[in-house]
PDB file of N, CA and C in Angstrom:
ATOM      1  N   MET A   1      22.749  -7.005   7.117  1.00  0.00           N
ATOM      2  CA  MET A   1      21.186  -6.988   7.061  1.00  0.00           C
ATOM      3  C   MET A   1      20.741  -5.918   7.740  1.00  0.00           C
ATOM      4  N   GLN A   2      19.543  -5.178   7.377  1.00  0.00           N
ATOM      5  CA  GLN A   2      18.801  -4.552   8.201  1.00  0.00           C
ATOM      6  C   GLN A   2      18.271  -5.147   9.583  1.00  0.00           C
ATOM      7  N   LYS A   3      17.906  -4.367  10.587  1.00  0.00           N
ATOM      8  CA  LYS A   3      17.321  -4.668  11.408  1.00  0.00           C
ATOM      9  C   LYS A   3      15.869  -5.231  11.450  1.00  0.00           C
ATOM     10  N   GLY A   4      15.422  -6.545  11.507  1.00  0.00           N
ATOM     11  CA  GLY A   4      13.943  -6.792  11.051  1.00  0.00           C
ATOM     12  C   GLY A   4      14.403  -7.904  10.036  1.00  0.00           C
ATOM     13  N   GLY A   5      15.446  -7.970   9.330  1.00  0.00           N
ATOM     14  CA  GLY A   5      15.473  -8.940   8.291  1.00  0.00           C
ATOM     15  C   GLY A   5      15.501  -8.023   6.861  1.00  0.00           C
ATOM     16  N   GLY A   6      15.951  -8.923   5.928  1.00  0.00           N
ATOM     17  CA  GLY A   6      16.106  -8.408   4.440  1.00  0.00           C
ATOM     18  C   GLY A   6      14.758  -8.148   3.805  1.00  0.00           C
ATOM     19  N   ARG A   7      15.184  -7.104   2.723  1.00  0.00           N
ATOM     20  CA  ARG A   7      13.788  -6.864   2.108  1.00  0.00           C
ATOM     21  C   ARG A   7      13.423  -7.808   0.934  1.00  0.00           C
ATOM     22  N   ASN A   8      12.239  -8.297   0.871  1.00  0.00           N
ATOM     23  CA  ASN A   8      11.776  -9.266  -0.148  1.00  0.00           C
ATOM     24  C   ASN A   8      11.483  -8.964  -1.684  1.00  0.00           C
ATOM     25  N   ASN A   9      11.636  -7.655  -1.860  1.00  0.00           N
ATOM     26  CA  ASN A   9      11.749  -6.895  -2.964  1.00  0.00           C
ATOM     27  C   ASN A   9      12.540  -5.569  -3.139  1.00  0.00           C
ATOM     28  N   PRO A  10      13.826  -5.438  -3.367  1.00  0.00           N
ATOM     29  CA  PRO A  10      14.612  -4.770  -3.443  1.00  0.00           C
ATOM     30  C   PRO A  10      14.251  -3.283  -4.177  1.00  0.00           C
ATOM     31  N   ASN A  11      13.372  -4.040  -5.266  1.00  0.00           N
ATOM     32  CA  ASN A  11      12.822  -2.925  -6.269  1.00  0.00           C
ATOM     33  C   ASN A  11      11.658  -2.149  -5.941  1.00  0.00           C
ATOM     34  N   ALA A  12      11.106  -2.518  -4.779  1.00  0.00           N
ATOM     35  CA  ALA A  12       9.556  -2.244  -4.292  1.00  0.00           C
ATOM     36  C   ALA A  12       9.434  -0.820  -4.824  1.00  0.00           C
ATOM     37  N   GLU A  13      10.355   0.171  -4.610  1.00  0.00           N
ATOM     38  CA  GLU A  13      10.047   1.926  -4.671  1.00  0.00           C
ATOM     39  C   GLU A  13       9.652   1.993  -6.152  1.00  0.00           C
ATOM     40  N   THR A  14      10.422   1.354  -7.082  1.00  0.00           N
ATOM     41  CA  THR A  14      10.337   1.634  -8.461  1.00  0.00           C
ATOM     42  C   THR A  14       9.112   0.804  -8.958  1.00  0.00           C
ATOM     43  N   ILE A  15       8.834  -0.172  -8.349  1.00  0.00           N
ATOM     44  CA  ILE A  15       7.387  -0.885  -8.846  1.00  0.00           C
ATOM     45  C   ILE A  15       6.284  -0.281  -8.603  1.00  0.00           C
ATOM     46  N   CYS A  16       6.364   0.404  -7.060  1.00  0.00           N
ATOM     47  CA  CYS A  16       5.240   0.839  -6.884  1.00  0.00           C
ATOM     48  C   CYS A  16       5.153   2.072  -7.316  1.00  0.00           C
ATOM     49  N   GLY A  17       6.072   3.131  -7.979  1.00  0.00           N
ATOM     50  CA  GLY A  17       6.180   4.155  -8.533  1.00  0.00           C
ATOM     51  C   GLY A  17       5.456   4.209 -10.094  1.00  0.00           C
ATOM     52  N   ASP A  18       5.677   2.914 -10.571  1.00  0.00           N
ATOM     53  CA  ASP A  18       5.375   2.584 -12.142  1.00  0.00           C
ATOM     54  C   ASP A  18       3.853   2.407 -11.929  1.00  0.00           C
ATOM     55  N   ILE A  19       3.595   1.525 -10.801  1.00  0.00           N
ATOM     56  CA  ILE A  19       1.789   0.968 -10.818  1.00  0.00           C
ATOM     57  C   ILE A  19       1.243   2.354 -10.476  1.00  0.00           C
ATOM     58  N   LEU A  20       1.887   3.438  -9.928  1.00  0.00           N
ATOM     59  CA  LEU A  20       1.010   4.589  -9.117  1.00  0.00           C
ATOM     60  C   LEU A  20       0.983   5.409 -10.285  1.00  0.00           C
ATOM     61  N   ALA A  21       1.916   5.469 -10.810  1.00  0.00           N
ATOM     62  CA  ALA A  21       1.769   6.197 -12.554  1.00  0.00           C
ATOM     63  C   ALA A  21       1.064   5.646 -13.607  1.00  0.00           C
ATOM     64  N   LYS A  22       0.882   4.325 -13.557  1.00  0.00           N
ATOM     65  CA  LYS A  22      -0.110   4.047 -14.245  1.00  0.00           C
ATOM     66  C   LYS A  22      -1.681   4.066 -13.799  1.00  0.00           C
ATOM     67  N   PHE A  23      -1.925   3.718 -12.791  1.00  0.00           N
ATOM     68  CA  PHE A  23      -3.120   4.296 -12.187  1.00  0.00           C
ATOM     69  C   PHE A  23      -3.499   5.584 -12.340  1.00  0.00           C
ATOM     70  N   ARG A  24      -2.630   6.581 -12.115  1.00  0.00           N
ATOM     71  CA  ARG A  24      -2.878   8.050 -12.521  1.00  0.00           C
ATOM     72  C   ARG A  24      -2.932   8.101 -13.613  1.00  0.00           C
ATOM     73  N   GLU A  25      -2.572   7.833 -14.898  1.00  0.00           N
ATOM     74  CA  GLU A  25      -2.641   7.545 -16.152  1.00  0.00           C
ATOM     75  C   GLU A  25      -3.848   7.346 -16.632  1.00  0.00           C
ATOM     76  N   LEU A  26      -4.625   6.039 -16.022  1.00  0.00           N
ATOM     77  CA  LEU A  26      -5.925   5.753 -16.216  1.00  0.00           C
ATOM     78  C   LEU A  26      -6.983   6.378 -15.295  1.00  0.00           C
ATOM     79  N   SER A  27      -6.893   7.484 -14.525  1.00  0.00           N
ATOM     80  CA  SER A  27      -7.605   7.830 -13.854  1.00  0.00           C
ATOM     81  C   SER A  27      -8.399   7.327 -12.614  1.00  0.00           C
ATOM     82  N   LEU A  28      -7.511   5.760 -12.574  1.00  0.00           N
ATOM     83  CA  LEU A  28      -8.007   5.019 -11.246  1.00  0.00           C
ATOM     84  C   LEU A  28      -7.876   5.680 -10.066  1.00  0.00           C
ATOM     85  N   PRO A  29      -8.910   5.151  -9.302  1.00  0.00           N
ATOM     86  CA  PRO A  29      -8.906   5.424  -7.654  1.00  0.00           C
ATOM     87  C   PRO A  29      -7.698   4.871  -6.764  1.00  0.00           C
ATOM     88  N   ILE A  30      -6.894   5.831  -6.140  1.00  0.00           N
ATOM     89  CA  ILE A  30      -5.796   5.720  -5.550  1.00  0.00           C
ATOM     90  C   ILE A  30      -5.914   5.979  -3.911  1.00  0.00           C
ATOM     91  N   PHE A  31      -5.622   5.245  -3.449  1.00  0.00           N
ATOM     92  CA  PHE A  31      -5.283   5.181  -1.721  1.00  0.00           C
ATOM     93  C   PHE A  31      -4.015   4.847  -1.078  1.00  0.00           C
ATOM     94  N   HIS A  32      -3.787   5.646  -0.586  1.00  0.00           N
ATOM     95  CA  HIS A  32      -2.229   5.567  -0.469  1.00  0.00           C
ATOM     96  C   HIS A  32      -2.223   5.093   1.295  1.00  0.00           C
ATOM     97  N   ILE A  33      -1.890   4.098   1.783  1.00  0.00           N
ATOM     98  CA  ILE A  33      -1.645   3.399   3.238  1.00  0.00           C
ATOM     99  C   ILE A  33      -0.492   3.144   3.645  1.00  0.00           C
ATOM    100  N   ARG A  34      -0.138   3.603   4.776  1.00  0.00           N
ATOM    101  CA  ARG A  34       1.200   3.580   5.459  1.00  0.00           C
ATOM    102  C   ARG A  34       1.027   3.029   7.123  1.00  0.00           C
ATOM    103  N   HIS A  35       1.887   2.266   7.206  1.00  0.00           N
ATOM    104  CA  HIS A  35       2.243   1.897   8.504  1.00  0.00           C
ATOM    105  C   HIS A  35       2.681   3.123   9.790  1.00  0.00           C
ATOM    106  N   ALA A  36       1.896   3.140  10.422  1.00  0.00           N
ATOM    107  CA  ALA A  36       2.648   4.022  11.874  1.00  0.00           C
ATOM    108  C   ALA A  36       2.988   3.089  12.905  1.00  0.00           C
ATOM    109  N   SER A  37       4.166   2.516  13.115  1.00  0.00           N
ATOM    110  CA  SER A  37       4.818   1.718  14.328  1.00  0.00           C
ATOM    111  C   SER A  37       4.061   2.699  15.346  1.00  0.00           C
ATOM    112  N   THR A  38       3.781   1.603  16.406  1.00  0.00           N
ATOM    113  CA  THR A  38       3.634   1.944  17.844  1.00  0.00           C
ATOM    114  C   THR A  38       4.704   1.893  18.425  1.00  0.00           C
ATOM    115  N   THR A  39       5.986   1.483  18.410  1.00  0.00           N
ATOM    116  CA  THR A  39       6.954   1.526  18.785  1.00  0.00           C
ATOM    117  C   THR A  39       8.063   2.518  18.616  1.00  0.00           C
ATOM    118  N   PRO A  40       8.531   3.214  19.711  1.00  0.00           N
ATOM    119  CA  PRO A  40       9.137   4.464  19.496  1.00  0.00           C
ATOM    120  C   PRO A  40      10.439   4.193  18.862  1.00  0.00           C
ATOM    121  N   GLN A  41      11.217   3.014  18.905  1.00  0.00           N
ATOM    122  CA  GLN A  41      12.359   2.888  18.499  1.00  0.00           C
ATOM    123  C   GLN A  41      12.356   2.327  16.845  1.00  0.00           C
ATOM    124  N   SER A  42      11.055   2.284  16.341  1.00  0.00           N
ATOM    125  CA  SER A  42      11.107   1.679  14.892  1.00  0.00           C
ATOM    126  C   SER A  42      11.181   2.776  13.862  1.00  0.00           C
ATOM    127  N   ARG A  43      11.791   2.333  12.954  1.00  0.00           N
ATOM    128  CA  ARG A  43      11.964   3.195  11.767  1.00  0.00           C
ATOM    129  C   ARG A  43      10.513   3.500  11.405  1.00  0.00           C
ATOM    130  N   LEU A  44       9.436   2.741  11.375  1.00  0.00           N
ATOM    131  CA  LEU A  44       8.148   3.307  10.804  1.00  0.00           C
ATOM    132  C   LEU A  44       7.499   4.063  11.828  1.00  0.00           C
ATOM    133  N   HIS A  45       7.885   4.250  12.835  1.00  0.00           N
ATOM    134  CA  HIS A  45       7.066   5.376  14.159  1.00  0.00           C
ATOM    135  C   HIS A  45       7.345   6.759  13.158  1.00  0.00           C
ATOM    136  N   PRO A  46       6.283   7.524  13.421  1.00  0.00           N
ATOM    137  CA  PRO A  46       5.711   8.673  12.908  1.00  0.00           C
ATOM    138  C   PRO A  46       6.979   9.568  13.305  1.00  0.00           C
ATOM    139  N   THR A  47       8.020   9.730  14.366  1.00  0.00           N
ATOM    140  CA  THR A  47       9.090  10.647  14.805  1.00  0.00           C
ATOM    141  C   THR A  47      10.098  10.537  13.853  1.00  0.00           C
ATOM    142  N   HIS A  48      10.218   9.242  12.912  1.00  0.00           N
ATOM    143  CA  HIS A  48      11.432   8.895  12.388  1.00  0.00           C
ATOM    144  C   HIS A  48      11.083   9.137  10.953  1.00  0.00           C
ATOM    145  N   ASP A  49      12.377   9.209   9.971  1.00  0.00           N
ATOM    146  CA  ASP A  49      12.348   9.147   8.570  1.00  0.00           C
ATOM    147  C   ASP A  49      11.531   8.264   7.871  1.00  0.00           C
ATOM    148  N   GLY A  50      11.428   7.183   8.321  1.00  0.00           N
ATOM    149  CA  GLY A  50      11.352   5.866   7.930  1.00  0.00           C
ATOM    150  C   GLY A  50       9.558   5.868   7.564  1.00  0.00           C
ATOM    151  N   PHE A  51       9.069   6.656   8.215  1.00  0.00           N
ATOM    152  CA  PHE A  51       7.716   6.815   8.246  1.00  0.00           C
ATOM    153  C   PHE A  51       7.250   7.715   7.196  1.00  0.00           C
ATOM    154  N   ALA A  52       8.008   8.748   6.622  1.00  0.00           N
ATOM    155  CA  ALA A  52       7.799   9.632   5.219  1.00  0.00           C
ATOM    156  C   ALA A  52       7.533   8.708   4.144  1.00  0.00           C
ATOM    157  N   PHE A  53       6.697   8.955   3.352  1.00  0.00           N
ATOM    158  CA  PHE A  53       6.702   8.594   1.891  1.00  0.00           C
ATOM    159  C   PHE A  53       7.802   8.816   0.954  1.00  0.00           C
ATOM    160  N   HIS A  54       7.897   7.543   0.286  1.00  0.00           N
ATOM    161  CA  HIS A  54       9.334   7.562  -0.391  1.00  0.00           C
ATOM    162  C   HIS A  54       8.977   8.477  -1.796  1.00  0.00           C
ATOM    163  N   ASP A  55       9.815   9.034  -2.329  1.00  0.00           N
ATOM    164  CA  ASP A  55       9.951  10.035  -3.189  1.00  0.00           C
ATOM    165  C   ASP A  55       8.930   9.343  -4.487  1.00  0.00           C
ATOM    166  N   ASN A  56       9.106   8.073  -4.910  1.00  0.00           N
ATOM    167  CA  ASN A  56       8.441   7.527  -5.846  1.00  0.00           C
ATOM    168  C   ASN A  56       7.021   7.369  -5.657  1.00  0.00           C
ATOM    169  N   VAL A  57       6.802   7.442  -4.237  1.00  0.00           N
ATOM    170  CA  VAL A  57       4.944   7.240  -4.381  1.00  0.00           C
ATOM    171  C   VAL A  57       4.248   8.362  -3.393  1.00  0.00           C
ATOM    172  N   LEU A  58       5.001   9.263  -3.574  1.00  0.00           N
ATOM    173  CA  LEU A  58       4.033  10.724  -3.016  1.00  0.00           C
ATOM    174  C   LEU A  58       2.687  10.950  -3.238  1.00  0.00           C
ATOM    175  N   PRO A  59       1.974  11.071  -2.431  1.00  0.00           N
ATOM    176  CA  PRO A  59       0.440  11.091  -2.642  1.00  0.00           C
ATOM    177  C   PRO A  59       0.495  12.678  -3.524  1.00  0.00           C
ATOM    178  N   LYS A  60      -0.473  12.629  -4.062  1.00  0.00           N
ATOM    179  CA  LYS A  60      -0.709  14.278  -4.914  1.00  0.00           C
ATOM    180  C   LYS A  60      -1.926  14.260  -4.052  1.00  0.00           C
ATOM    181  N   ASP A  61      -2.444  15.845  -4.349  1.00  0.00           N
ATOM    182  CA  ASP A  61      -3.758  16.503  -4.063  1.00  0.00           C
ATOM    183  C   ASP A  61      -4.647  15.873  -4.407  1.00  0.00           C
ATOM    184  N   GLY A  62      -5.514  15.301  -3.283  1.00  0.00           N
ATOM    185  CA  GLY A  62      -6.993  14.585  -3.922  1.00  0.00           C
ATOM    186  C   GLY A  62      -6.921  13.202  -3.208  1.00  0.00           C
ATOM    187  N   GLU A  63      -5.526  12.679  -3.429  1.00  0.00           N
ATOM    188  CA  GLU A  63      -5.462  11.147  -2.994  1.00  0.00           C
ATOM    189  C   GLU A  63      -5.293  10.621  -1.441  1.00  0.00           C
ATOM    190  N   PRO A  64      -6.142  10.051  -1.164  1.00  0.00           N
ATOM    191  CA  PRO A  64      -6.316   9.756   0.273  1.00  0.00           C
ATOM    192  C   PRO A  64      -5.314   9.396   1.213  1.00  0.00           C
ATOM    193  N   VAL A  65      -4.671   9.577   2.292  1.00  0.00           N
ATOM    194  CA  VAL A  65      -3.756   8.670   2.810  1.00  0.00           C
ATOM    195  C   VAL A  65      -4.468   8.187   4.294  1.00  0.00           C
ATOM    196  N   ILE A  66      -4.020   6.870   4.319  1.00  0.00           N
ATOM    197  CA  ILE A  66      -4.466   6.279   5.429  1.00  0.00           C
ATOM    198  C   ILE A  66      -3.450   5.851   6.160  1.00  0.00           C
ATOM    199  N   THR A  67      -3.694   6.001   7.484  1.00  0.00           N
ATOM    200  CA  THR A  67      -2.399   5.493   8.246  1.00  0.00           C
ATOM    201  C   THR A  67      -2.987   4.443   9.234  1.00  0.00           C
ATOM    202  N   LYS A  68      -2.228   3.152   9.318  1.00  0.00           N
ATOM    203  CA  LYS A  68      -2.526   2.408   9.855  1.00  0.00           C
ATOM    204  C   LYS A  68      -1.530   1.938  11.215  1.00  0.00           C
ATOM    205  N   ASN A  69      -1.714   1.314  12.148  1.00  0.00           N
ATOM    206  CA  ASN A  69      -0.862   0.829  13.195  1.00  0.00           C
ATOM    207  C   ASN A  69      -0.817  -0.736  13.632  1.00  0.00           C
ATOM    208  N   VAL A  70      -1.701  -1.518  12.700  1.00  0.00           N
ATOM    209  CA  VAL A  70      -1.790  -2.847  12.887  1.00  0.00           C
ATOM    210  C   VAL A  70      -1.657  -3.487  11.316  1.00  0.00           C
ATOM    211  N   ASN A  71      -1.850  -4.809  10.998  1.00  0.00           N
ATOM    212  CA  ASN A  71      -1.534  -5.407   9.589  1.00  0.00           C
ATOM    213  C   ASN A  71      -2.427  -5.299   8.797  1.00  0.00           C
ATOM    214  N   SER A  72      -3.665  -4.437   9.268  1.00  0.00           N
ATOM    215  CA  SER A  72      -4.279  -4.152   8.160  1.00  0.00           C
ATOM    216  C   SER A  72      -4.805  -2.647   7.979  1.00  0.00           C
ATOM    217  N   GLY A  73      -5.190  -2.309   6.667  1.00  0.00           N
ATOM    218  CA  GLY A  73      -5.384  -0.885   6.554  1.00  0.00           C
ATOM    219  C   GLY A  73      -6.871  -0.559   6.917  1.00  0.00           C
ATOM    220  N   PHE A  74      -7.624  -1.817   6.971  1.00  0.00           N
ATOM    221  CA  PHE A  74      -9.319  -1.750   7.258  1.00  0.00           C
ATOM    222  C   PHE A  74      -9.302  -1.617   8.778  1.00  0.00           C
ATOM    223  N   ILE A  75      -8.233  -2.202   9.950  1.00  0.00           N
ATOM    224  CA  ILE A  75      -8.651  -2.185  10.940  1.00  0.00           C
ATOM    225  C   ILE A  75      -8.248  -0.824  12.007  1.00  0.00           C
ATOM    226  N   GLY A  76      -9.329   0.035  12.189  1.00  0.00           N
ATOM    227  CA  GLY A  76      -8.966   0.934  13.052  1.00  0.00           C
ATOM    228  C   GLY A  76      -8.672   2.125  12.124  1.00  0.00           C
ATOM    229  N   THR A  77      -9.482   2.298  11.016  1.00  0.00           N
ATOM    230  CA  THR A  77      -9.424   3.409  10.170  1.00  0.00           C
ATOM    231  C   THR A  77     -10.783   3.360   9.596  1.00  0.00           C
ATOM    232  N   ASP A  78     -10.736   4.089   8.481  1.00  0.00           N
ATOM    233  CA  ASP A  78     -12.108   4.596   7.618  1.00  0.00           C
ATOM    234  C   ASP A  78     -12.021   3.940   6.167  1.00  0.00           C
ATOM    235  N   LEU A  79     -10.975   3.348   6.011  1.00  0.00           N
ATOM    236  CA  LEU A  79     -10.795   3.047   4.532  1.00  0.00           C
ATOM    237  C   LEU A  79     -11.730   2.427   4.334  1.00  0.00           C
ATOM    238  N   HIS A  80     -12.622   1.321   4.755  1.00  0.00           N
ATOM    239  CA  HIS A  80     -13.633   0.587   4.096  1.00  0.00           C
ATOM    240  C   HIS A  80     -14.617   1.670   3.956  1.00  0.00           C
ATOM    241  N   GLU A  81     -15.085   2.628   4.620  1.00  0.00           N
ATOM    242  CA  GLU A  81     -16.386   3.593   4.648  1.00  0.00           C
ATOM    243  C   GLU A  81     -15.706   4.177   3.236  1.00  0.00           C
ATOM    244  N   GLN A  82     -14.453   4.957   3.003  1.00  0.00           N
ATOM    245  CA  GLN A  82     -14.110   5.750   2.056  1.00  0.00           C
ATOM    246  C   GLN A  82     -14.298   5.095   0.889  1.00  0.00           C
ATOM    247  N   LEU A  83     -13.861   3.607   0.884  1.00  0.00           N
ATOM    248  CA  LEU A  83     -14.042   2.730  -0.558  1.00  0.00           C
ATOM    249  C   LEU A  83     -15.606   2.531  -0.716  1.00  0.00           C
ATOM    250  N   GLN A  84     -16.588   2.328   0.205  1.00  0.00           N
ATOM    251  CA  GLN A  84     -17.941   2.372  -0.044  1.00  0.00           C
ATOM    252  C   GLN A  84     -18.347   3.789  -0.704  1.00  0.00           C
ATOM    253  N   ASN A  85     -17.990   4.835  -0.098  1.00  0.00           N
ATOM    254  CA  ASN A  85     -18.823   5.940  -0.571  1.00  0.00           C
ATOM    255  C   ASN A  85     -18.133   6.259  -1.659  1.00  0.00           C
ATOM    256  N   LYS A  86     -17.134   5.720  -2.775  1.00  0.00           N
ATOM    257  CA  LYS A  86     -16.792   6.112  -3.575  1.00  0.00           C
ATOM    258  C   LYS A  86     -17.168   5.015  -4.864  1.00  0.00           C
ATOM    259  N   GLY A  87     -17.971   3.871  -4.231  1.00  0.00           N
ATOM    260  CA  GLY A  87     -18.594   3.142  -4.761  1.00  0.00           C
ATOM    261  C   GLY A  87     -17.460   2.109  -5.017  1.00  0.00           C
ATOM    262  N   ILE A  88     -16.609   1.612  -4.646  1.00  0.00           N
ATOM    263  CA  ILE A  88     -15.271   0.612  -4.727  1.00  0.00           C
ATOM    264  C   ILE A  88     -15.617  -0.454  -3.940  1.00  0.00           C
ATOM    265  N   ASN A  89     -15.601  -1.725  -4.693  1.00  0.00           N
ATOM    266  CA  ASN A  89     -16.284  -2.866  -4.164  1.00  0.00           C
ATOM    267  C   ASN A  89     -14.857  -3.918  -4.245  1.00  0.00           C
ATOM    268  N   ARG A  90     -14.024  -3.650  -5.259  1.00  0.00           N
ATOM    269  CA  ARG A  90     -12.631  -4.614  -5.542  1.00  0.00           C
ATOM    270  C   ARG A  90     -11.248  -3.379  -5.514  1.00  0.00           C
ATOM    271  N   GLN A  91     -10.413  -4.159  -4.719  1.00  0.00           N
ATOM    272  CA  GLN A  91      -9.202  -3.608  -4.556  1.00  0.00           C
ATOM    273  C   GLN A  91      -7.988  -4.325  -5.086  1.00  0.00           C
ATOM    274  N   ILE A  92      -7.147  -3.658  -5.813  1.00  0.00           N
ATOM    275  CA  ILE A  92      -5.960  -4.704  -6.132  1.00  0.00           C
ATOM    276  C   ILE A  92      -4.555  -4.310  -5.519  1.00  0.00           C
ATOM    277  N   PHE A  93      -3.816  -5.440  -5.043  1.00  0.00           N
ATOM    278  CA  PHE A  93      -2.707  -5.362  -4.086  1.00  0.00           C
ATOM    279  C   PHE A  93      -1.609  -5.992  -4.986  1.00  0.00           C
ATOM    280  N   ASP A  94      -0.467  -5.571  -4.802  1.00  0.00           N
ATOM    281  CA  ASP A  94       0.723  -6.296  -5.723  1.00  0.00           C
ATOM    282  C   ASP A  94       0.986  -7.077  -4.540  1.00  0.00           C
ATOM    283  N   ALA A  95       1.060  -8.455  -5.056  1.00  0.00           N
ATOM    284  CA  ALA A  95       1.731  -9.504  -4.103  1.00  0.00           C
ATOM    285  C   ALA A  95       3.144  -9.380  -3.893  1.00  0.00           C
ATOM    286  N   GLU A  96       3.942  -8.822  -4.923  1.00  0.00           N
ATOM    287  CA  GLU A  96       5.416  -8.736  -4.823  1.00  0.00           C
ATOM    288  C   GLU A  96       5.715  -7.821  -3.689  1.00  0.00           C
ATOM    289  N   LEU A  97       5.085  -6.882  -3.323  1.00  0.00           N
ATOM    290  CA  LEU A  97       5.113  -5.576  -2.413  1.00  0.00           C
ATOM    291  C   LEU A  97       5.020  -5.878  -0.915  1.00  0.00           C
ATOM    292  N   ILE A  98       4.208  -6.891  -0.892  1.00  0.00           N
ATOM    293  CA  ILE A  98       3.326  -7.207   0.525  1.00  0.00           C
ATOM    294  C   ILE A  98       4.195  -8.432   1.255  1.00  0.00           C
ATOM    295  N   HIS A  99       4.007  -8.103   2.492  1.00  0.00           N
ATOM    296  CA  HIS A  99       4.562  -9.199   3.246  1.00  0.00           C
ATOM    297  C   HIS A  99       3.642 -10.473   3.512  1.00  0.00           C
ATOM    298  N   GLN A 100       4.221 -11.456   3.400  1.00  0.00           N
ATOM    299  CA  GLN A 100       3.151 -13.000   3.529  1.00  0.00           C
ATOM    300  C   GLN A 100       2.283 -12.706   4.643  1.00  0.00           C
ATOM    301  N   THR A 101       2.255 -12.159   5.774  1.00  0.00           N
ATOM    302  CA  THR A 101       1.596 -11.961   6.581  1.00  0.00           C
ATOM    303  C   THR A 101       0.133 -11.199   6.624  1.00  0.00           C
ATOM    304  N   ALA A 102       0.644 -10.295   5.584  1.00  0.00           N
ATOM    305  CA  ALA A 102      -0.674  -9.387   5.083  1.00  0.00           C
ATOM    306  C   ALA A 102      -1.487  -9.892   4.311  1.00  0.00           C
ATOM    307  N   LEU A 103      -1.136 -10.994   3.657  1.00  0.00           N
ATOM    308  CA  LEU A 103      -1.784 -11.575   2.332  1.00  0.00           C
ATOM    309  C   LEU A 103      -3.003 -11.991   2.836  1.00  0.00           C
ATOM    310  N   ALA A 104      -3.123 -12.954   3.962  1.00  0.00           N
ATOM    311  CA  ALA A 104      -3.954 -13.574   4.538  1.00  0.00           C
ATOM    312  C   ALA A 104      -5.064 -12.279   5.135  1.00  0.00           C
ATOM    313  N   SER A 105      -4.701 -11.550   5.307  1.00  0.00           N
ATOM    314  CA  SER A 105      -5.976 -10.341   6.158  1.00  0.00           C
ATOM    315  C   SER A 105      -6.100  -9.570   4.909  1.00  0.00           C
ATOM    316  N   LEU A 106      -5.387  -9.526   3.518  1.00  0.00           N
ATOM    317  CA  LEU A 106      -6.190  -8.840   2.341  1.00  0.00           C
ATOM    318  C   LEU A 106      -7.126  -9.702   1.776  1.00  0.00           C
ATOM    319  N   ASN A 107      -6.766 -11.008   1.604  1.00  0.00           N
ATOM    320  CA  ASN A 107      -7.890 -12.051   1.188  1.00  0.00           C
ATOM    321  C   ASN A 107      -9.088 -12.120   1.666  1.00  0.00           C
ATOM    322  N   ASN A 108      -9.189 -12.113   3.123  1.00  0.00           N
ATOM    323  CA  ASN A 108     -10.554 -11.624   3.966  1.00  0.00           C
ATOM    324  C   ASN A 108     -11.137 -10.636   3.876  1.00  0.00           C
ATOM    325  N   GLU A 109     -10.491  -9.310   3.209  1.00  0.00           N
ATOM    326  CA  GLU A 109     -11.140  -8.360   3.016  1.00  0.00           C
ATOM    327  C   GLU A 109     -11.455  -8.126   1.354  1.00  0.00           C
ATOM    328  N   PHE A 110     -11.902  -9.291   0.545  1.00  0.00           N
ATOM    329  CA  PHE A 110     -12.382  -9.078  -0.239  1.00  0.00           C
ATOM    330  C   PHE A 110     -11.502  -8.212  -1.655  1.00  0.00           C
ATOM    331  N   ALA A 111      -9.990  -9.079  -1.273  1.00  0.00           N
ATOM    332  CA  ALA A 111      -8.944  -7.868  -2.342  1.00  0.00           C
ATOM    333  C   ALA A 111      -8.604  -9.172  -3.289  1.00  0.00           C
ATOM    334  N   SER A 112      -8.207  -8.476  -4.483  1.00  0.00           N
ATOM    335  CA  SER A 112      -7.118  -9.308  -5.544  1.00  0.00           C
ATOM    336  C   SER A 112      -5.960  -8.875  -4.930  1.00  0.00           C
ATOM    337  N   VAL A 113      -5.205 -10.245  -4.823  1.00  0.00           N
ATOM    338  CA  VAL A 113      -3.873  -9.840  -4.927  1.00  0.00           C
ATOM    339  C   VAL A 113      -2.831 -10.740  -6.201  1.00  0.00           C
ATOM    340  N   ILE A 114      -2.346  -9.662  -6.829  1.00  0.00           N
ATOM    341  CA  ILE A 114      -1.669 -10.118  -8.059  1.00  0.00           C
ATOM    342  C   ILE A 114      -0.370  -9.597  -8.094  1.00  0.00           C
ATOM    343  N   ASN A 115       0.523 -10.374  -8.702  1.00  0.00           N
ATOM    344  CA  ASN A 115       1.920  -9.812  -9.087  1.00  0.00           C
ATOM    345  C   ASN A 115       2.019  -8.465  -9.981  1.00  0.00           C
ATOM    346  N   SER A 116       3.160  -8.047  -9.937  1.00  0.00           N
ATOM    347  CA  SER A 116       3.035  -6.722 -10.931  1.00  0.00           C
ATOM    348  C   SER A 116       3.215  -7.042 -12.271  1.00  0.00           C
ATOM    349  N   LYS A 117       3.829  -8.231 -12.645  1.00  0.00           N
ATOM    350  CA  LYS A 117       3.574  -8.474 -14.400  1.00  0.00           C
ATOM    351  C   LYS A 117       2.278  -8.715 -14.551  1.00  0.00           C
ATOM    352  N   HIS A 118       1.290  -9.190 -13.745  1.00  0.00           N
ATOM    353  CA  HIS A 118       0.139  -9.710 -14.329  1.00  0.00           C
ATOM    354  C   HIS A 118      -0.403  -8.277 -14.075  1.00  0.00           C
ATOM    355  N   LEU A 119      -0.559  -7.697 -13.227  1.00  0.00           N
ATOM    356  CA  LEU A 119      -1.471  -6.226 -13.218  1.00  0.00           C
ATOM    357  C   LEU A 119      -1.154  -5.303 -13.953  1.00  0.00           C
ATOM    358  N   PHE A 120       0.180  -5.222 -14.952  1.00  0.00           N
ATOM    359  CA  PHE A 120       0.531  -4.682 -16.096  1.00  0.00           C
ATOM    360  C   PHE A 120       0.137  -5.019 -17.250  1.00  0.00           C
ATOM    361  N   GLU A 121       0.049  -6.317 -17.185  1.00  0.00           N
ATOM    362  CA  GLU A 121      -0.565  -7.191 -18.661  1.00  0.00           C
ATOM    363  C   GLU A 121      -2.003  -6.895 -18.577  1.00  0.00           C
ATOM    364  N   SER A 122      -2.875  -6.587 -17.540  1.00  0.00           N
ATOM    365  CA  SER A 122      -4.340  -6.313 -17.373  1.00  0.00           C
ATOM    366  C   SER A 122      -4.658  -5.080 -18.023  1.00  0.00           C
ATOM    367  N   PHE A 123      -3.539  -4.118 -18.171  1.00  0.00           N
ATOM    368  CA  PHE A 123      -3.856  -2.647 -18.654  1.00  0.00           C
ATOM    369  C   PHE A 123      -3.534  -2.848 -20.147  1.00  0.00           C
ATOM    370  N   LYS A 124      -3.214  -3.881 -20.736  1.00  0.00           N
ATOM    371  CA  LYS A 124      -3.256  -3.740 -22.086  1.00  0.00           C
ATOM    372  C   LYS A 124      -4.473  -3.836 -22.976  1.00  0.00           C
TER     373      LYS A 124
END
């Protein structure tokens, strides 16, 4: 098992890539949020390979990248301002790809948290 525990979804990269492709196909707004650990030994520290985006979810030109270092993409970033500037008042997050501790934070930030099956059904 990896340091820090096992993954809750070993297919996360594939699912995220599929969701991202669908959003791009539908010309929906996309914001990439990644975590930058403040612990130099962490795989998610900017000096380590784990900080880089996976090939399945690489941002394209024009897609904003928000870098956070706490449990919320809204704390210490301009994400809320960017969303407001684009007139976006509803965000969608895939519950299968989010650690449980983040769900409470997301629900407090006026977001919809759904699983990928329901998300893809909503595109039909």
